[in-house]
Protein backbone atom coordinates (compact mmCIF):
# COMPACT_ATOMS: atom_id res chain seq x y z
CA MET A 1 -15.09 24.49 104.52
CA LYS A 2 -13.26 23.67 107.56
CA LYS A 3 -15.17 20.68 109.04
CA GLY A 4 -13.28 19.22 111.88
CA LYS A 5 -9.71 18.38 113.20
CA ASN A 6 -7.26 17.86 110.26
CA ILE A 7 -5.34 14.53 110.64
CA SER A 8 -3.66 14.15 107.50
CA VAL A 9 -3.48 16.49 104.46
CA ASN A 10 -2.53 15.26 100.85
CA ARG A 11 -0.36 18.25 100.02
CA ARG A 12 0.69 16.79 96.57
CA ALA A 13 -2.96 16.68 95.41
CA ARG A 14 -3.49 20.11 94.55
CA PHE A 15 0.11 20.33 92.92
CA ASP A 16 -0.39 17.05 90.80
CA TYR A 17 -4.02 17.50 89.87
CA GLU A 18 -6.38 20.48 88.84
CA ILE A 19 -9.20 19.85 91.36
CA VAL A 20 -12.60 20.34 89.93
CA ASP A 21 -15.11 19.32 92.67
CA THR A 22 -14.82 17.95 96.08
CA LEU A 23 -16.93 15.88 98.33
CA GLU A 24 -16.99 14.14 101.70
CA ALA A 25 -17.08 10.46 102.42
CA GLY A 26 -17.00 8.44 105.53
CA LEU A 27 -14.63 5.23 105.97
CA VAL A 28 -15.25 1.85 107.18
CA LEU A 29 -12.52 1.17 109.74
CA THR A 30 -11.59 -1.23 112.40
CA ALA A 31 -11.07 -0.23 115.99
CA THR A 32 -7.43 -0.15 115.96
CA GLU A 33 -7.52 1.98 112.63
CA ILE A 34 -9.61 4.77 114.28
CA LYS A 35 -7.12 4.70 117.25
CA SER A 36 -4.29 5.11 115.06
CA ILE A 37 -5.90 7.88 113.03
CA ARG A 38 -6.47 9.73 116.30
CA ASP A 39 -2.79 9.50 116.93
CA HIS A 40 -2.04 11.20 113.51
CA ARG A 41 -0.32 7.96 112.17
CA VAL A 42 -1.83 8.26 108.46
CA ASN A 43 -0.30 8.95 105.24
CA LEU A 44 -2.41 9.79 102.09
CA SER A 45 0.21 10.53 99.71
CA GLY A 46 0.01 8.43 96.63
CA SER A 47 -3.51 6.97 97.53
CA TYR A 48 -6.48 7.18 95.15
CA ALA A 49 -10.12 5.91 95.12
CA PHE A 50 -11.71 3.64 92.49
CA PRO A 51 -15.18 2.13 92.08
CA HIS A 52 -15.36 -1.61 92.23
CA ARG A 53 -18.81 -3.51 92.02
CA GLY A 54 -20.93 -0.39 92.65
CA GLU A 55 -18.87 0.86 95.70
CA ILE A 56 -16.01 3.16 95.94
CA TRP A 57 -12.66 1.98 97.47
CA LEU A 58 -9.66 3.85 98.92
CA TYR A 59 -6.24 2.31 97.73
CA ASN A 60 -2.73 2.93 98.90
CA SER A 61 -3.59 4.79 102.12
CA HIS A 62 -1.25 3.81 105.02
CA ILE A 63 -2.73 3.81 108.41
CA ALA A 64 0.19 2.70 110.77
CA PRO A 65 -0.46 -0.26 113.15
CA TYR A 66 -1.71 0.88 116.61
CA PRO A 67 1.30 -0.30 119.03
CA PRO A 68 -0.78 -1.41 122.16
CA ALA A 69 -2.94 -3.75 120.10
CA SER A 70 -0.04 -6.28 119.50
CA HIS A 71 -1.69 -9.41 117.90
CA SER A 72 -5.09 -8.03 117.05
CA ASN A 73 -3.68 -5.25 114.77
CA HIS A 74 -4.91 -4.26 111.21
CA GLU A 75 -3.17 -4.50 107.86
CA PRO A 76 -1.70 -1.09 107.33
CA ASP A 77 -1.99 -0.74 103.69
CA ARG A 78 -5.35 -2.57 103.35
CA ILE A 79 -8.12 -1.32 100.78
CA ARG A 80 -10.71 0.57 102.58
CA LYS A 81 -14.48 1.07 101.64
CA LEU A 82 -15.71 4.65 101.45
CA LEU A 83 -19.07 5.23 102.59
CA LEU A 84 -21.22 7.37 99.99
CA LYS A 85 -24.70 7.84 98.78
CA ARG A 86 -25.67 6.06 95.50
CA ASP A 87 -25.92 9.24 93.64
CA GLN A 88 -22.48 10.47 94.61
CA ILE A 89 -21.03 7.03 93.60
CA ARG A 90 -22.73 7.46 90.05
CA ARG A 91 -21.37 10.90 89.81
CA LEU A 92 -17.85 9.97 90.68
CA THR A 93 -18.06 6.82 88.35
CA ALA A 94 -19.26 9.24 85.47
CA SER A 95 -16.26 11.46 86.14
CA LEU A 96 -13.72 8.65 85.86
CA ASN A 97 -14.93 7.93 82.47
CA ARG A 98 -13.75 11.10 81.24
CA LYS A 99 -10.09 10.97 80.02
CA GLY A 100 -7.43 11.92 82.54
CA PHE A 101 -9.62 12.41 85.68
CA ALA A 102 -8.95 10.69 88.98
CA ILE A 103 -10.50 10.66 92.37
CA ILE A 104 -7.97 11.74 95.08
CA PRO A 105 -8.26 11.95 98.84
CA MET A 106 -7.35 15.51 99.69
CA ARG A 107 -7.48 15.35 103.55
CA LEU A 108 -8.59 13.06 106.32
CA TYR A 109 -10.11 14.58 109.55
CA ILE A 110 -12.33 13.75 112.46
CA SER A 111 -15.89 15.23 112.39
CA GLY A 112 -17.68 14.60 115.46
CA HIS A 113 -16.77 10.80 116.51
CA TYR A 114 -16.32 9.76 112.67
CA ALA A 115 -13.19 9.83 110.43
CA LYS A 116 -14.04 11.53 107.16
CA VAL A 117 -11.99 11.94 104.02
CA GLN A 118 -12.28 14.82 101.51
CA LEU A 119 -12.28 13.38 98.02
CA GLY A 120 -11.25 15.56 94.99
CA ILE A 121 -12.14 14.93 91.54
CA GLY A 122 -9.26 16.02 89.52
CA LYS A 123 -7.57 16.00 86.10
CA GLY A 124 -3.78 15.33 86.07
CA ARG A 125 -1.49 18.21 85.39
CA ARG A 126 1.35 17.89 82.88
CA LYS A 127 4.75 19.00 83.90
CA ARG A 128 4.82 22.22 82.12
CA ASP A 129 1.53 22.97 83.90
CA LYS A 130 3.19 22.34 87.28
CA ARG A 131 6.17 24.47 86.39
CA ARG A 132 3.61 27.33 85.51
CA GLU A 133 2.03 26.79 88.80
CA ILE A 134 5.50 27.31 90.57
CA LYS A 135 6.15 30.31 88.53
CA ASP A 136 2.75 32.02 89.46
CA ARG A 137 3.33 31.27 93.11
CA ALA A 138 6.62 32.66 93.12
CA ILE A 139 5.42 35.68 91.29
CA SER A 140 2.48 36.33 93.80
CA ARG A 141 4.92 35.90 96.59
CA GLU A 142 7.07 38.53 95.46
CA ILE A 143 4.20 40.86 95.07
CA ARG A 144 2.94 40.18 98.50
CA GLU A 145 6.47 40.93 99.92
CA ALA A 146 6.73 44.00 97.81
CA GLY A 147 3.58 45.37 99.16
CA ARG A 148 4.56 44.89 102.72
CA ARG A 149 7.89 46.69 102.39
CA ASP A 150 6.30 49.76 100.98
CA PHE A 151 4.52 50.44 104.15
């Protein structure tokens, strides 16, 4: 499902959450924000999406100020509106009503001329689940390496 040039990837998302479903959303941005995004000056770690008054908003995403813009720059940690269809908003809101689920931005990328964010609907993992994930990854890595050595 590669749809464009990756700008920022939230690597902690798949580790901290069991991702059930994903969808694509547009972002409402200012001119200096899109220029900063094209310069790869974005951080999605710790960010999340949450509904408010029938719309979905992106919180805690950091888009660094664009240096040449000087006084007309944007607020780096401002709340940004996500562009989704009404039925997608309803589905996301319904999934949040289930216990332990959250909407997490997985990656931000440029598709055509637009900045898009891939959202994941995920259930938070417990510490023991994270440990099991690390253990399974190590075992599969050892199996892969053992297979390479045999040839």
